[in-house]
Protein backbone atom coordinates (compact mmCIF):
# COMPACT_ATOMS: atom_id res chain seq x y z
CA MET A 1 -102.90 5.96 -6.57
CA ASP A 2 -102.89 6.93 -2.94
CA ASP A 3 -99.69 6.41 -0.69
CA PHE A 4 -101.62 3.56 1.05
CA SER A 5 -102.67 2.24 -2.40
CA LEU A 6 -101.00 -0.89 -3.25
CA PHE A 7 -99.30 -2.42 -6.55
CA SER A 8 -100.72 -5.92 -7.24
CA GLU A 9 -97.91 -7.35 -9.69
CA TYR A 10 -93.90 -6.83 -9.19
CA ALA A 11 -92.63 -3.62 -11.03
CA SER A 12 -91.87 -4.92 -14.89
CA ASP A 13 -89.34 -1.68 -16.13
CA ASP A 14 -87.10 1.32 -14.55
CA GLU A 15 -90.57 3.48 -14.68
CA GLY A 16 -92.05 0.92 -12.21
CA VAL A 17 -89.19 0.61 -10.64
CA LYS A 18 -88.76 4.07 -10.21
CA GLU A 19 -92.60 5.21 -8.90
CA ARG A 20 -92.33 1.98 -5.94
CA ILE A 21 -89.05 3.52 -4.57
CA ALA A 22 -90.50 7.25 -4.42
CA ARG A 23 -93.39 6.17 -2.83
CA PHE A 24 -92.25 4.01 -0.08
CA ARG A 25 -89.13 5.18 0.89
CA SER A 26 -90.26 6.53 3.97
CA VAL A 27 -93.42 5.19 3.78
CA ASP A 28 -93.77 1.64 5.06
CA PRO A 29 -96.98 -0.49 2.83
CA TYR A 30 -97.08 -2.80 5.71
CA PRO A 31 -97.17 -1.23 9.30
CA GLU A 32 -99.00 -4.17 10.53
CA ILE A 33 -95.61 -6.48 9.87
CA PRO A 34 -93.66 -5.59 12.83
CA ALA A 35 -89.63 -5.16 13.30
CA ALA A 36 -88.21 -7.98 12.64
CA LEU A 37 -86.41 -10.42 10.34
CA LEU A 38 -88.44 -10.89 7.51
CA SER A 39 -89.40 -14.38 6.35
CA SER A 40 -90.15 -15.29 2.38
CA GLU A 41 -93.37 -14.24 1.96
CA HIS A 42 -93.11 -10.60 3.27
CA ILE A 43 -89.73 -10.59 1.47
CA LYS A 44 -91.74 -11.26 -1.53
CA ALA A 45 -94.24 -8.54 -0.44
CA TYR A 46 -92.12 -5.84 0.16
CA VAL A 47 -90.23 -6.29 -2.94
CA ARG A 48 -93.38 -6.05 -5.02
CA GLN A 49 -94.39 -2.65 -3.21
CA THR A 50 -90.98 -1.09 -2.48
CA ALA A 51 -89.04 -2.36 -5.25
CA MET A 52 -86.08 -2.77 -2.50
CA VAL A 53 -84.69 -5.63 -4.95
CA HIS A 54 -84.31 -4.99 -8.94
CA LYS A 55 -84.29 -7.79 -11.04
CA PHE A 56 -85.83 -10.25 -7.97
CA ASP A 57 -86.48 -13.66 -9.19
CA HIS A 58 -89.68 -14.54 -7.28
CA GLN A 59 -90.44 -17.61 -9.36
CA THR A 60 -87.68 -19.93 -9.94
CA ARG A 61 -87.98 -22.88 -7.63
CA GLY A 62 -85.39 -22.62 -4.57
CA LYS A 63 -84.03 -18.73 -5.11
CA LEU A 64 -86.39 -18.69 -1.89
CA LYS A 65 -85.79 -19.82 1.71
CA ALA A 66 -88.10 -19.15 4.25
CA ALA A 67 -85.65 -15.97 5.51
CA SER A 68 -83.40 -15.32 2.47
CA TYR A 69 -82.76 -14.91 -0.58
CA GLU A 70 -79.69 -16.13 -3.20
CA ILE A 71 -78.43 -13.92 -5.46
CA ASN A 72 -75.77 -14.74 -8.34
CA PRO A 73 -73.05 -13.17 -9.93
CA GLY A 74 -73.34 -10.08 -12.52
CA LYS A 75 -71.83 -7.17 -14.47
CA LYS A 76 -68.70 -7.38 -13.65
CA PHE A 77 -65.80 -8.63 -11.38
CA ILE A 78 -62.82 -6.75 -10.85
CA TYR A 79 -59.09 -7.43 -9.43
CA TRP A 80 -55.53 -6.60 -9.40
CA ASP A 81 -53.02 -8.57 -11.44
CA PRO A 82 -50.34 -9.78 -9.28
CA SER A 83 -47.25 -8.73 -11.54
CA SER A 84 -48.72 -5.89 -13.05
CA LYS A 85 -50.05 -4.58 -10.55
CA LEU A 86 -52.63 -3.59 -13.02
CA LYS A 87 -56.76 -3.26 -12.17
CA VAL A 88 -58.58 -5.95 -14.32
CA VAL A 89 -61.79 -5.57 -15.26
CA GLN A 90 -63.64 -8.41 -16.92
CA PRO A 91 -67.70 -8.61 -17.59
CA VAL A 92 -70.14 -11.67 -16.18
CA GLY A 93 -72.53 -13.25 -18.41
CA LYS A 94 -73.83 -16.15 -20.31
CA ASP A 95 -70.71 -17.68 -20.94
CA LYS A 96 -68.25 -15.28 -19.37
CA PRO A 97 -67.91 -16.60 -15.26
CA LEU A 98 -67.07 -15.47 -11.96
CA ILE A 99 -63.19 -16.12 -12.31
CA LEU A 100 -61.63 -15.92 -9.25
CA PRO A 101 -57.71 -16.30 -9.68
CA ALA A 102 -55.72 -18.75 -6.75
CA ASN A 103 -54.72 -17.12 -4.03
CA SER A 104 -56.26 -13.14 -4.79
CA ILE A 105 -59.03 -10.82 -3.19
CA THR A 106 -61.64 -10.31 -6.21
CA PHE A 107 -64.57 -7.67 -6.18
CA ALA A 108 -67.59 -9.16 -7.72
CA GLN A 109 -70.61 -6.85 -8.25
CA LEU A 110 -74.48 -8.68 -8.13
CA GLU A 111 -77.01 -9.59 -10.90
CA SER A 112 -79.27 -7.94 -8.40
CA ASP A 113 -79.26 -3.96 -7.39
CA PHE A 114 -81.17 -2.63 -3.55
CA ALA A 115 -83.10 0.47 -3.14
CA LEU A 116 -83.86 0.00 0.76
CA PRO A 117 -86.40 2.08 2.37
CA ASP A 118 -85.64 3.42 5.75
CA TYR A 119 -86.81 0.81 7.30
CA ILE A 120 -85.28 -2.10 5.54
CA ALA A 121 -81.59 -3.40 6.18
CA VAL A 122 -79.77 -6.45 4.51
CA ARG A 123 -77.63 -8.70 5.89
CA PHE A 124 -75.96 -11.58 3.64
CA ASN A 125 -73.68 -14.48 3.67
CA LEU A 126 -71.79 -16.50 0.88
CA ARG A 127 -73.32 -19.17 -0.38
CA ILE A 128 -71.90 -22.30 2.17
CA GLN A 129 -70.51 -24.42 -0.71
CA HIS A 130 -68.62 -21.80 -1.46
CA VAL A 131 -66.90 -21.81 1.54
CA HIS A 132 -66.68 -25.51 2.04
CA ARG A 133 -63.96 -24.82 -0.91
CA GLY A 134 -61.88 -22.53 0.18
CA ILE A 135 -63.75 -18.98 -0.75
CA LEU A 136 -64.15 -16.19 1.82
CA LEU A 137 -66.23 -13.23 2.02
CA GLY A 138 -64.46 -10.25 3.14
CA THR A 139 -67.11 -7.89 4.58
CA GLY A 140 -69.72 -6.34 7.44
CA PRO A 141 -71.99 -7.89 5.91
CA LEU A 142 -74.78 -5.40 6.20
CA ILE A 143 -76.37 -2.88 4.14
CA ASP A 144 -78.01 0.40 6.08
CA PRO A 145 -81.49 0.90 5.27
CA GLY A 146 -82.12 3.61 2.15
CA PHE A 147 -79.07 2.32 0.20
CA LYS A 148 -79.85 2.32 -3.14
CA GLY A 149 -77.05 1.28 -6.20
CA GLU A 150 -75.19 -1.71 -6.81
CA MET A 151 -73.00 -3.89 -4.43
CA LEU A 152 -69.53 -4.90 -5.03
CA ILE A 153 -68.50 -7.79 -2.74
CA PRO A 154 -64.73 -8.34 -1.83
CA LEU A 155 -64.09 -12.84 -2.29
CA HIS A 156 -61.29 -14.11 -0.91
CA ASN A 157 -59.56 -16.84 -2.68
CA LEU A 158 -57.76 -18.96 0.06
CA THR A 159 -56.54 -21.55 -2.84
CA SER A 160 -53.83 -22.27 -4.77
CA ASP A 161 -55.66 -22.87 -7.43
CA GLU A 162 -58.36 -20.04 -9.33
CA TYR A 163 -62.36 -20.93 -8.64
CA VAL A 164 -64.93 -20.30 -10.86
CA ILE A 165 -68.73 -19.55 -10.26
CA LYS A 166 -70.94 -20.13 -13.52
CA PRO A 167 -73.69 -16.69 -13.51
CA ASN A 168 -76.37 -19.09 -13.20
CA GLU A 169 -74.82 -20.38 -9.43
CA GLY A 170 -75.76 -18.59 -6.11
CA LEU A 171 -73.17 -16.40 -4.86
CA ILE A 172 -75.12 -15.26 -2.04
CA TRP A 173 -78.04 -15.74 0.57
CA VAL A 174 -79.27 -12.11 1.70
CA GLU A 175 -81.79 -11.49 5.10
CA PHE A 176 -84.23 -8.59 5.06
CA THR A 177 -85.04 -7.11 8.61
CA LYS A 178 -87.48 -4.45 9.12
CA THR A 179 -86.26 -1.52 12.07
CA THR A 180 -87.85 0.23 14.49
CA HIS A 181 -87.81 3.42 12.63
CA GLY A 182 -91.38 5.01 12.72
CA ALA A 183 -92.68 1.53 13.57
CA VAL A 184 -92.81 2.83 17.12
CA LYS A 185 -95.89 3.11 18.81
CA THR A 186 -95.70 5.69 21.71
CA PRO A 187 -98.40 4.14 24.92
CA PRO A 188 -100.76 6.59 26.31
CA GLY A 189 -99.59 8.76 28.56
CA ARG A 190 -95.40 8.52 27.51
CA LYS A 191 -93.72 11.48 25.31
CA PRO A 192 -92.91 10.52 21.77
CA ILE A 193 -89.39 9.88 20.92
CA THR A 194 -88.04 13.04 19.66
CA ASP A 195 -84.27 11.80 18.74
CA THR A 196 -83.99 11.99 15.29
CA PHE A 197 -83.52 9.48 13.43
CA ASN A 198 -80.04 9.31 11.20
CA ALA A 199 -80.60 8.60 7.12
CA THR A 200 -78.37 7.12 5.04
CA GLU A 201 -76.71 10.34 3.08
CA GLU A 202 -77.85 11.11 0.25
CA PRO A 203 -74.58 10.86 -2.35
CA LYS A 204 -74.05 7.45 -0.75
CA LYS A 205 -77.71 6.23 -1.91
CA ILE A 206 -76.63 5.76 -5.88
CA ARG A 207 -73.42 4.31 -6.26
CA ASN A 208 -71.63 4.02 -9.70
CA VAL A 209 -69.55 0.52 -8.72
CA VAL A 210 -66.60 1.82 -10.35
CA THR A 211 -66.32 5.37 -9.85
CA TYR A 212 -66.70 4.69 -5.89
CA PHE A 213 -64.06 1.75 -6.17
CA GLU A 214 -61.66 4.46 -7.60
CA LYS A 215 -62.52 6.99 -4.93
CA ALA A 216 -62.22 4.17 -2.08
CA ASN A 217 -59.26 2.92 -2.59
CA ARG A 218 -57.02 5.87 -4.38
CA ASN A 219 -56.34 3.97 -7.52
CA ASN A 220 -54.38 1.96 -5.47
CA PRO A 221 -53.87 -1.81 -6.26
CA ILE A 222 -55.81 -4.18 -3.38
CA GLN A 223 -54.09 -7.41 -3.51
CA SER A 224 -54.15 -11.09 -0.84
CA SER A 225 -51.07 -10.65 1.05
CA LEU A 226 -51.10 -14.70 0.47
CA HIS A 227 -50.06 -13.97 -3.30
CA SER A 228 -46.85 -12.18 -1.66
CA ALA A 229 -46.03 -14.83 0.79
CA VAL A 230 -46.70 -17.95 -1.10
CA GLU A 231 -43.92 -16.25 -4.31
CA GLU A 232 -41.97 -15.32 -1.52
CA VAL A 233 -41.59 -18.76 -0.26
CA ARG A 234 -41.41 -20.23 -3.81
CA THR A 235 -38.88 -17.62 -4.17
CA LYS A 236 -36.72 -19.10 -0.96
CA VAL A 237 -37.24 -22.44 -2.56
CA LYS A 238 -35.86 -22.40 -5.09
CA THR A 239 -32.76 -20.34 -3.89
CA ALA A 240 -32.33 -23.04 -1.13
CA GLU A 241 -32.58 -26.14 -4.09
CA ARG A 242 -30.22 -24.03 -5.68
CA ALA A 243 -27.71 -23.77 -3.13
CA ALA A 244 -28.57 -27.75 -2.39
CA ARG A 245 -27.40 -28.31 -6.37
CA LEU A 246 -24.08 -26.21 -5.73
CA ALA A 247 -23.60 -28.04 -2.27
CA ASN A 248 -23.62 -31.47 -4.12
CA ALA A 249 -21.76 -29.87 -7.06
CA ALA A 250 -19.11 -29.01 -4.88
CA VAL A 251 -19.26 -32.36 -2.72
CA THR A 252 -19.02 -33.63 -6.03
CA THR A 253 -15.86 -32.58 -6.53
CA VAL A 254 -13.97 -32.13 -3.69
CA THR A 255 -15.09 -35.74 -3.60
CA SER A 256 -13.45 -36.49 -7.14
CA VAL A 257 -10.54 -34.51 -6.39
CA GLY A 258 -10.00 -35.87 -2.94
CA PHE A 259 -9.48 -39.39 -5.15
CA ILE A 260 -7.39 -38.42 -7.58
CA ALA A 261 -5.29 -36.96 -4.51
CA VAL A 262 -5.58 -39.98 -3.41
CA LEU A 263 -4.33 -41.96 -6.01
CA ALA A 264 -1.93 -39.80 -7.28
CA ALA A 265 -0.38 -40.06 -3.77
CA ALA A 266 -0.59 -44.44 -4.06
CA ILE A 267 0.86 -44.31 -7.50
CA GLY A 268 4.15 -41.77 -6.17
CA THR A 269 4.25 -44.13 -2.53
CA TRP A 270 4.51 -47.57 -5.29
CA SER A 271 6.72 -45.65 -7.60
CA PHE A 272 8.97 -44.84 -4.62
CA PHE A 273 9.00 -48.40 -3.53
CA GLU A 274 9.57 -49.32 -7.03
CA SER A 275 12.23 -47.29 -7.52
CA ILE A 276 13.65 -48.38 -3.96
CA LYS A 277 13.02 -52.15 -4.86
CA ASN A 278 14.52 -51.74 -8.64
CA SER A 279 18.15 -50.12 -6.98
CA HIS A 280 18.46 -52.81 -4.16
CA LEU A 281 17.69 -55.06 -6.96
CA THR A 282 20.32 -53.92 -9.19
CA VAL A 283 22.47 -53.60 -6.14
CA SER A 284 22.25 -56.84 -5.43
CA ALA A 285 23.04 -58.04 -8.33
CA GLN A 286 26.23 -56.12 -8.07
CA ALA A 287 27.42 -57.74 -5.17
CA ILE A 288 26.45 -61.14 -6.60
CA ASP A 289 28.75 -60.27 -9.25
CA ALA A 290 31.50 -59.27 -6.94
CA ASN A 291 30.98 -62.12 -4.92
CA LYS A 292 31.18 -64.36 -7.88
CA ALA A 293 34.31 -62.34 -9.09
CA ALA A 294 36.14 -62.33 -5.82
CA SER A 295 35.09 -66.78 -6.11
CA ASP A 296 37.12 -67.18 -9.36
CA ALA A 297 40.16 -64.81 -7.62
CA LYS A 298 40.26 -67.43 -5.10
CA ALA A 299 39.60 -70.52 -7.21
CA GLU A 300 42.66 -69.13 -9.23
CA THR A 301 44.61 -68.36 -6.74
CA LYS A 302 44.03 -71.34 -5.11
CA VAL A 303 45.60 -72.82 -8.40
CA ALA A 304 48.36 -70.18 -8.56
CA ALA A 305 49.33 -71.69 -4.98
CA SER A 306 48.97 -75.09 -5.81
CA ASP A 307 51.26 -74.70 -9.14
CA ALA A 308 53.38 -72.76 -6.77
CA LYS A 309 54.01 -75.64 -4.50
CA ARG A 310 54.70 -78.16 -7.01
CA ALA A 311 57.02 -75.61 -8.68
CA ILE A 312 58.92 -75.35 -5.40
CA GLU A 313 59.26 -78.76 -5.07
CA ASP A 314 60.47 -79.03 -8.78
CA ALA A 315 62.77 -76.64 -8.82
CA LYS A 316 64.02 -75.38 -4.75
CA ASN A 317 67.44 -75.30 -6.75
CA SER A 318 66.45 -72.19 -8.98
CA THR A 319 66.82 -69.92 -7.03
CA ASP A 320 64.81 -67.30 -10.53
CA GLN A 321 62.23 -69.28 -10.58
CA VAL A 322 61.08 -69.59 -7.08
CA SER A 323 61.74 -65.33 -7.16
CA SER A 324 59.01 -65.23 -9.62
CA LEU A 325 56.53 -67.83 -7.98
CA VAL A 326 57.17 -65.78 -5.30
CA LYS A 327 56.29 -62.91 -6.95
CA LYS A 328 53.18 -64.44 -8.85
CA LEU A 329 52.17 -65.15 -5.16
CA ASP A 330 52.59 -61.81 -3.85
CA GLU A 331 50.69 -60.15 -7.27
CA ALA A 332 47.98 -62.66 -6.68
CA ASN A 333 47.68 -62.10 -3.17
CA GLU A 334 47.49 -58.05 -3.59
CA ARG A 335 44.56 -58.82 -6.61
CA ILE A 336 42.82 -60.78 -3.60
CA ALA A 337 43.09 -57.94 -1.05
CA LYS A 338 41.68 -55.39 -3.75
CA LEU A 339 38.75 -57.66 -4.43
CA GLU A 340 38.55 -58.39 -0.92
CA ARG A 341 37.79 -54.62 0.27
CA ALA A 342 35.89 -54.13 -3.01
CA LEU A 343 33.30 -56.29 -1.72
CA SER A 344 33.33 -55.15 1.87
CA ILE A 345 31.99 -51.92 0.39
CA ILE A 346 29.54 -53.12 -2.08
CA THR A 347 28.01 -55.22 0.42
CA SER A 348 28.06 -52.58 3.01
CA THR A 349 26.55 -50.12 0.60
CA SER A 350 23.73 -52.68 -0.61
CA GLY A 351 23.03 -53.62 3.39
CA PRO A 352 21.86 -56.60 4.28
CA SER A 353 19.91 -58.73 1.19
CA ARG A 354 16.24 -59.79 1.93
């Protein structure tokens, strides 16, 4: 087969892929197609001849749009555990979906590999339904002509929930653009362009994703700042809640102590006034008793005085009897004076009665 012979079928094995890559890496099988965004029929034609997409699904309805091709997740996905900081590598297969942890960056591989010729570039975008659900694509996203190997796509899960993408679910839409390399014809009478074409470096054409990935990030954890920010907020919330609980407990304690203090003060004040009241009642009772004793003494004095008058009238001529009666009268007067002094002392001590 010469360089301009075309294949009628897609490559069915690795040998067929290698043959197409080698034959059309620098030779354009369709020079008549202008440098532009390829439409669906031209995408299929170039894939058939150049094997620029390996594992190309040209039969499933909906995989090809007017100017783009849908690719599913595949092989494996990589992320760093936020707690242990260790790299986690998980396979993607029939019963093993692509799982994006909450608030994370996950690096996902595709089910298809690329072997782009020197005149085809690729751009891709995340499927719009993933964007609407809070997933973002963290890349350029341009694949230079000449790239050969596996793609590793960084996906940002901006949500607070785990996000699952099934293996048979579309992840990205890919666009193919034919560049101007080798397609420009110099008009008659004009000197051709002599500037050198900067081809993709050879070491970057064939990539093992895991090896290249480890080299690119120097084995350092790559994590979203969202997780640490969320954890910081959660820590602050817990601290605030704990402080609020302590404050409430302190207020409750102070309130209880204050109530007890007020109650104690009230009881003390009541006891004080009760003591004063009891003392006053005791003194008042003593005063009453003294008044009664004084009244009795006055009554006795009146009786004694009456008896003395009668005795004086009956025994005017008896000097001894008169002297005796006078003595009794003096004694009675002395008793009355003592009682009056005692009554005065008691009354002044107790104060006026209420």
